[in-house]
Amino acid sequence: MVTLFDRNNYYGVMNGTSMASPNVTGIVAIWLQAKPDLTYNDVRALIKETSRNDPYTTDPTLIPSGNVMQAGWGKIDALDAPVYNVLGQRVSPKTKGLVIYKGRKYVNR
């Protein structure tokens, strides 16, 4: 368990495309729920923008295949996802009013 953003996050360590594919699919589904008109290119740009790199995505000695291309843009970071207003326009996370973040509606005061 890791405490992050004032909540407990439970996780287990697994790897490979069998683990990555359902996770990325779930993240994209939440983005599409928040903004249904995202295009394929929008989704690609969001994945690229929110992905992070570390030694396990950039150091060939730490990547099982030894191929840095295997890691693509890195590890997707769903906690750093974009925020939208109710009109589907991308806004700052500090925007006041009703916003959609990770597929849920929030009121920023």
N, C-alpha and C. Protein backbone atom coordinates (compact mmCIF):
# COMPACT_ATOMS: atom_id res chain seq x y z
N MET A 1 0.85 -1.18 0.00
CA MET A 1 0.00 0.00 0.00
C MET A 1 0.89 1.24 0.00
N VAL A 2 0.47 2.24 -0.77
CA VAL A 2 1.16 3.52 -0.84
C VAL A 2 0.12 4.61 -0.59
N THR A 3 0.44 5.56 0.29
CA THR A 3 -0.46 6.69 0.50
C THR A 3 -0.02 7.82 -0.40
N LEU A 4 -0.92 8.24 -1.28
CA LEU A 4 -0.63 9.28 -2.25
C LEU A 4 -1.90 10.08 -2.49
N PHE A 5 -1.79 11.39 -2.56
CA PHE A 5 -2.95 12.26 -2.77
C PHE A 5 -4.02 12.03 -1.71
N ASP A 6 -3.56 11.92 -0.47
CA ASP A 6 -4.45 11.77 0.69
C ASP A 6 -5.36 10.55 0.63
N ARG A 7 -4.92 9.50 -0.01
CA ARG A 7 -5.71 8.26 -0.02
C ARG A 7 -4.76 7.07 -0.12
N ASN A 8 -5.24 5.93 0.32
CA ASN A 8 -4.44 4.70 0.22
C ASN A 8 -4.61 4.09 -1.16
N ASN A 9 -3.50 3.71 -1.75
CA ASN A 9 -3.51 3.08 -3.07
C ASN A 9 -2.90 1.69 -2.94
N TYR A 10 -3.65 0.67 -3.30
CA TYR A 10 -3.18 -0.70 -3.21
C TYR A 10 -2.74 -1.17 -4.59
N TYR A 11 -1.67 -1.89 -4.65
CA TYR A 11 -1.19 -2.36 -5.93
C TYR A 11 -0.34 -3.60 -5.74
N GLY A 12 -0.16 -4.32 -6.82
CA GLY A 12 0.74 -5.46 -6.88
C GLY A 12 1.64 -5.26 -8.07
N VAL A 13 2.81 -5.83 -8.02
CA VAL A 13 3.77 -5.65 -9.10
C VAL A 13 3.58 -6.76 -10.12
N MET A 14 3.32 -6.38 -11.35
CA MET A 14 3.22 -7.30 -12.48
C MET A 14 3.80 -6.58 -13.69
N ASN A 15 4.13 -7.30 -14.74
CA ASN A 15 4.67 -6.62 -15.92
C ASN A 15 4.23 -7.31 -17.19
N GLY A 16 4.54 -6.68 -18.29
CA GLY A 16 4.22 -7.24 -19.59
C GLY A 16 2.99 -6.60 -20.20
N THR A 17 2.81 -6.87 -21.49
CA THR A 17 1.68 -6.28 -22.21
C THR A 17 0.34 -6.81 -21.69
N SER A 18 0.34 -8.01 -21.11
CA SER A 18 -0.91 -8.53 -20.56
C SER A 18 -1.39 -7.71 -19.37
N MET A 19 -0.48 -7.04 -18.72
CA MET A 19 -0.84 -6.16 -17.60
C MET A 19 -1.03 -4.72 -18.08
N ALA A 20 -0.21 -4.28 -19.02
CA ALA A 20 -0.27 -2.89 -19.48
C ALA A 20 -1.53 -2.61 -20.29
N SER A 21 -1.89 -3.52 -21.16
CA SER A 21 -3.03 -3.28 -22.07
C SER A 21 -4.33 -2.99 -21.34
N PRO A 22 -4.74 -3.80 -20.35
CA PRO A 22 -6.00 -3.48 -19.67
C PRO A 22 -5.93 -2.20 -18.85
N ASN A 23 -4.76 -1.88 -18.33
CA ASN A 23 -4.63 -0.64 -17.56
C ASN A 23 -4.75 0.58 -18.47
N VAL A 24 -4.06 0.56 -19.58
CA VAL A 24 -4.14 1.69 -20.51
C VAL A 24 -5.55 1.80 -21.08
N THR A 25 -6.17 0.68 -21.38
CA THR A 25 -7.54 0.69 -21.90
C THR A 25 -8.49 1.33 -20.90
N GLY A 26 -8.34 1.00 -19.62
CA GLY A 26 -9.18 1.60 -18.58
C GLY A 26 -8.98 3.10 -18.46
N ILE A 27 -7.73 3.53 -18.54
CA ILE A 27 -7.42 4.96 -18.47
C ILE A 27 -8.05 5.69 -19.66
N VAL A 28 -7.89 5.13 -20.85
CA VAL A 28 -8.47 5.75 -22.05
C VAL A 28 -9.99 5.78 -21.94
N ALA A 29 -10.59 4.73 -21.40
CA ALA A 29 -12.05 4.70 -21.23
C ALA A 29 -12.52 5.84 -20.32
N ILE A 30 -11.78 6.11 -19.26
CA ILE A 30 -12.14 7.21 -18.36
C ILE A 30 -12.00 8.54 -19.07
N TRP A 31 -10.93 8.71 -19.86
CA TRP A 31 -10.78 9.95 -20.64
C TRP A 31 -11.94 10.12 -21.60
N LEU A 32 -12.34 9.04 -22.27
CA LEU A 32 -13.44 9.12 -23.22
C LEU A 32 -14.78 9.38 -22.53
N GLN A 33 -14.91 8.90 -21.30
CA GLN A 33 -16.13 9.19 -20.54
C GLN A 33 -16.19 10.69 -20.23
N ALA A 34 -15.04 11.27 -19.91
CA ALA A 34 -15.00 12.69 -19.60
C ALA A 34 -15.14 13.55 -20.86
N LYS A 35 -14.61 13.06 -21.97
CA LYS A 35 -14.65 13.83 -23.23
C LYS A 35 -14.84 12.85 -24.39
N PRO A 36 -16.10 12.50 -24.67
CA PRO A 36 -16.39 11.46 -25.67
C PRO A 36 -15.92 11.75 -27.09
N ASP A 37 -15.65 13.01 -27.42
CA ASP A 37 -15.25 13.31 -28.80
C ASP A 37 -13.73 13.28 -29.01
N LEU A 38 -12.98 12.73 -28.07
CA LEU A 38 -11.53 12.59 -28.28
C LEU A 38 -11.29 11.71 -29.50
N THR A 39 -10.37 12.15 -30.33
CA THR A 39 -10.03 11.36 -31.51
C THR A 39 -8.87 10.43 -31.18
N TYR A 40 -8.57 9.55 -32.11
CA TYR A 40 -7.41 8.66 -31.97
C TYR A 40 -6.14 9.47 -31.72
N ASN A 41 -5.95 10.54 -32.50
CA ASN A 41 -4.77 11.38 -32.34
C ASN A 41 -4.76 12.10 -31.00
N ASP A 42 -5.94 12.53 -30.51
CA ASP A 42 -6.03 13.15 -29.19
C ASP A 42 -5.57 12.18 -28.11
N VAL A 43 -6.05 10.94 -28.20
CA VAL A 43 -5.69 9.92 -27.21
C VAL A 43 -4.20 9.64 -27.24
N ARG A 44 -3.64 9.52 -28.43
CA ARG A 44 -2.18 9.31 -28.56
C ARG A 44 -1.41 10.46 -27.91
N ALA A 45 -1.87 11.69 -28.16
CA ALA A 45 -1.20 12.87 -27.59
C ALA A 45 -1.30 12.87 -26.06
N LEU A 46 -2.46 12.49 -25.53
CA LEU A 46 -2.63 12.44 -24.08
C LEU A 46 -1.74 11.38 -23.44
N ILE A 47 -1.65 10.23 -24.09
CA ILE A 47 -0.77 9.17 -23.57
C ILE A 47 0.67 9.66 -23.56
N LYS A 48 1.08 10.29 -24.65
CA LYS A 48 2.46 10.79 -24.73
C LYS A 48 2.71 11.86 -23.67
N GLU A 49 1.73 12.76 -23.49
CA GLU A 49 1.87 13.87 -22.55
C GLU A 49 1.92 13.41 -21.10
N THR A 50 1.16 12.37 -20.76
CA THR A 50 1.07 11.96 -19.36
C THR A 50 2.03 10.82 -19.01
N SER A 51 2.77 10.32 -19.97
CA SER A 51 3.71 9.23 -19.69
C SER A 51 4.99 9.75 -19.06
N ARG A 52 5.55 8.95 -18.17
CA ARG A 52 6.77 9.31 -17.46
C ARG A 52 7.84 8.26 -17.73
N ASN A 53 9.07 8.69 -17.73
CA ASN A 53 10.19 7.77 -17.91
C ASN A 53 10.99 7.65 -16.62
N ASP A 54 11.58 6.50 -16.43
CA ASP A 54 12.48 6.23 -15.32
C ASP A 54 13.52 5.23 -15.83
N PRO A 55 14.44 4.79 -15.00
CA PRO A 55 15.46 3.86 -15.50
C PRO A 55 14.89 2.58 -16.11
N TYR A 56 13.69 2.16 -15.67
CA TYR A 56 13.11 0.92 -16.20
C TYR A 56 12.47 1.11 -17.58
N THR A 57 12.46 2.34 -18.06
CA THR A 57 11.97 2.60 -19.42
C THR A 57 13.07 3.15 -20.32
N THR A 58 14.22 3.50 -19.75
CA THR A 58 15.28 4.12 -20.54
C THR A 58 16.62 3.39 -20.50
N ASP A 59 16.82 2.52 -19.53
CA ASP A 59 18.10 1.82 -19.37
C ASP A 59 17.98 0.41 -19.94
N PRO A 60 18.64 0.13 -21.07
CA PRO A 60 18.52 -1.20 -21.70
C PRO A 60 18.90 -2.35 -20.78
N THR A 61 19.76 -2.10 -19.79
CA THR A 61 20.16 -3.19 -18.88
C THR A 61 19.05 -3.55 -17.90
N LEU A 62 18.06 -2.67 -17.73
CA LEU A 62 16.94 -2.94 -16.81
C LEU A 62 15.67 -3.38 -17.52
N ILE A 63 15.65 -3.29 -18.85
CA ILE A 63 14.48 -3.70 -19.64
C ILE A 63 14.71 -5.14 -20.07
N PRO A 64 13.76 -6.06 -19.77
CA PRO A 64 13.98 -7.48 -20.06
C PRO A 64 14.47 -7.76 -21.48
N SER A 65 13.92 -7.09 -22.48
CA SER A 65 14.33 -7.35 -23.86
C SER A 65 15.62 -6.61 -24.22
N GLY A 66 16.01 -5.64 -23.38
CA GLY A 66 17.17 -4.83 -23.70
C GLY A 66 16.90 -3.77 -24.74
N ASN A 67 15.63 -3.63 -25.13
CA ASN A 67 15.24 -2.71 -26.20
C ASN A 67 14.43 -1.56 -25.61
N VAL A 68 14.99 -0.35 -25.62
CA VAL A 68 14.28 0.80 -25.05
C VAL A 68 12.99 1.11 -25.81
N MET A 69 12.90 0.71 -27.08
CA MET A 69 11.67 0.94 -27.84
C MET A 69 10.50 0.19 -27.23
N GLN A 70 10.77 -0.87 -26.46
CA GLN A 70 9.72 -1.66 -25.83
C GLN A 70 8.89 -0.78 -24.88
N ALA A 71 9.52 0.21 -24.27
CA ALA A 71 8.82 1.05 -23.30
C ALA A 71 8.06 2.20 -23.95
N GLY A 72 8.21 2.40 -25.23
CA GLY A 72 7.47 3.45 -25.92
C GLY A 72 7.69 4.82 -25.29
N TRP A 73 6.59 5.50 -24.95
CA TRP A 73 6.68 6.83 -24.34
C TRP A 73 6.92 6.73 -22.84
N GLY A 74 6.96 5.54 -22.28
CA GLY A 74 7.19 5.38 -20.85
C GLY A 74 5.97 4.81 -20.16
N LYS A 75 5.84 5.12 -18.89
CA LYS A 75 4.74 4.62 -18.06
C LYS A 75 3.64 5.67 -18.00
N ILE A 76 2.44 5.28 -18.37
CA ILE A 76 1.32 6.21 -18.36
C ILE A 76 1.02 6.61 -16.91
N ASP A 77 0.73 7.88 -16.70
CA ASP A 77 0.48 8.41 -15.36
C ASP A 77 -0.94 8.96 -15.30
N ALA A 78 -1.87 8.13 -14.89
CA ALA A 78 -3.29 8.53 -14.88
C ALA A 78 -3.58 9.59 -13.83
N LEU A 79 -2.74 9.72 -12.82
CA LEU A 79 -2.99 10.73 -11.80
C LEU A 79 -2.68 12.13 -12.32
N ASP A 80 -1.95 12.21 -13.41
CA ASP A 80 -1.62 13.51 -14.00
C ASP A 80 -2.47 13.76 -15.24
N ALA A 81 -3.68 13.20 -15.23
CA ALA A 81 -4.57 13.29 -16.39
C ALA A 81 -5.13 14.70 -16.55
N PRO A 82 -5.53 15.05 -17.76
CA PRO A 82 -6.10 16.38 -18.01
C PRO A 82 -7.44 16.57 -17.28
N VAL A 83 -7.80 17.82 -17.09
CA VAL A 83 -9.06 18.20 -16.46
C VAL A 83 -9.88 18.94 -17.50
N TYR A 84 -11.19 18.66 -17.55
CA TYR A 84 -12.10 19.28 -18.51
C TYR A 84 -13.23 19.96 -17.78
N ASN A 85 -13.78 21.02 -18.39
CA ASN A 85 -15.01 21.59 -17.84
C ASN A 85 -16.19 20.81 -18.40
N VAL A 86 -17.40 21.17 -18.00
CA VAL A 86 -18.57 20.39 -18.43
C VAL A 86 -18.88 20.55 -19.91
N LEU A 87 -18.24 21.51 -20.58
CA LEU A 87 -18.40 21.67 -22.02
C LEU A 87 -17.40 20.81 -22.78
N GLY A 88 -16.55 20.08 -22.05
CA GLY A 88 -15.56 19.24 -22.70
C GLY A 88 -14.30 19.99 -23.08
N GLN A 89 -14.15 21.22 -22.60
CA GLN A 89 -12.94 22.00 -22.90
C GLN A 89 -11.88 21.72 -21.85
N ARG A 90 -10.65 21.52 -22.31
CA ARG A 90 -9.56 21.26 -21.39
C ARG A 90 -9.24 22.53 -20.60
N VAL A 91 -9.14 22.41 -19.28
CA VAL A 91 -8.89 23.56 -18.42
C VAL A 91 -7.78 23.23 -17.42
N SER A 92 -7.34 24.24 -16.71
CA SER A 92 -6.34 24.07 -15.67
C SER A 92 -6.95 23.30 -14.49
N PRO A 93 -6.16 22.47 -13.80
CA PRO A 93 -6.69 21.77 -12.61
C PRO A 93 -7.16 22.74 -11.53
N LYS A 94 -6.75 24.02 -11.61
CA LYS A 94 -7.14 25.01 -10.61
C LYS A 94 -8.36 25.82 -11.03
N THR A 95 -8.96 25.49 -12.18
CA THR A 95 -10.13 26.21 -12.66
C THR A 95 -11.27 26.08 -11.66
N LYS A 96 -11.90 27.19 -11.36
CA LYS A 96 -13.03 27.21 -10.42
C LYS A 96 -14.29 26.72 -11.11
N GLY A 97 -15.17 26.09 -10.33
CA GLY A 97 -16.45 25.63 -10.85
C GLY A 97 -16.50 24.13 -11.03
N LEU A 98 -17.45 23.68 -11.81
CA LEU A 98 -17.65 22.25 -12.04
C LEU A 98 -16.68 21.76 -13.10
N VAL A 99 -15.88 20.76 -12.76
CA VAL A 99 -14.91 20.19 -13.69
C VAL A 99 -15.04 18.68 -13.70
N ILE A 100 -14.54 18.06 -14.76
CA ILE A 100 -14.51 16.60 -14.87
C ILE A 100 -13.06 16.19 -14.81
N TYR A 101 -12.75 15.34 -13.85
CA TYR A 101 -11.39 14.86 -13.67
C TYR A 101 -11.45 13.35 -13.48
N LYS A 102 -10.75 12.63 -14.34
CA LYS A 102 -10.74 11.17 -14.31
C LYS A 102 -12.16 10.61 -14.39
N GLY A 103 -12.99 11.23 -15.23
CA GLY A 103 -14.33 10.71 -15.46
C GLY A 103 -15.35 11.05 -14.39
N ARG A 104 -14.96 11.84 -13.39
CA ARG A 104 -15.89 12.20 -12.32
C ARG A 104 -16.04 13.71 -12.27
N LYS A 105 -17.19 14.17 -11.84
CA LYS A 105 -17.45 15.60 -11.72
C LYS A 105 -17.05 16.08 -10.33
N TYR A 106 -16.38 17.23 -10.29
CA TYR A 106 -15.95 17.85 -9.05
C TYR A 106 -16.27 19.33 -9.10
N VAL A 107 -16.44 19.92 -7.92
CA VAL A 107 -16.60 21.36 -7.82
C VAL A 107 -15.31 21.91 -7.22
N ASN A 108 -14.59 22.70 -8.02
CA ASN A 108 -13.39 23.38 -7.51
C ASN A 108 -13.81 24.71 -6.94
N ARG A 109 -13.45 24.94 -5.70
CA ARG A 109 -13.83 26.21 -5.03
C ARG A 109 -12.66 27.15 -4.98
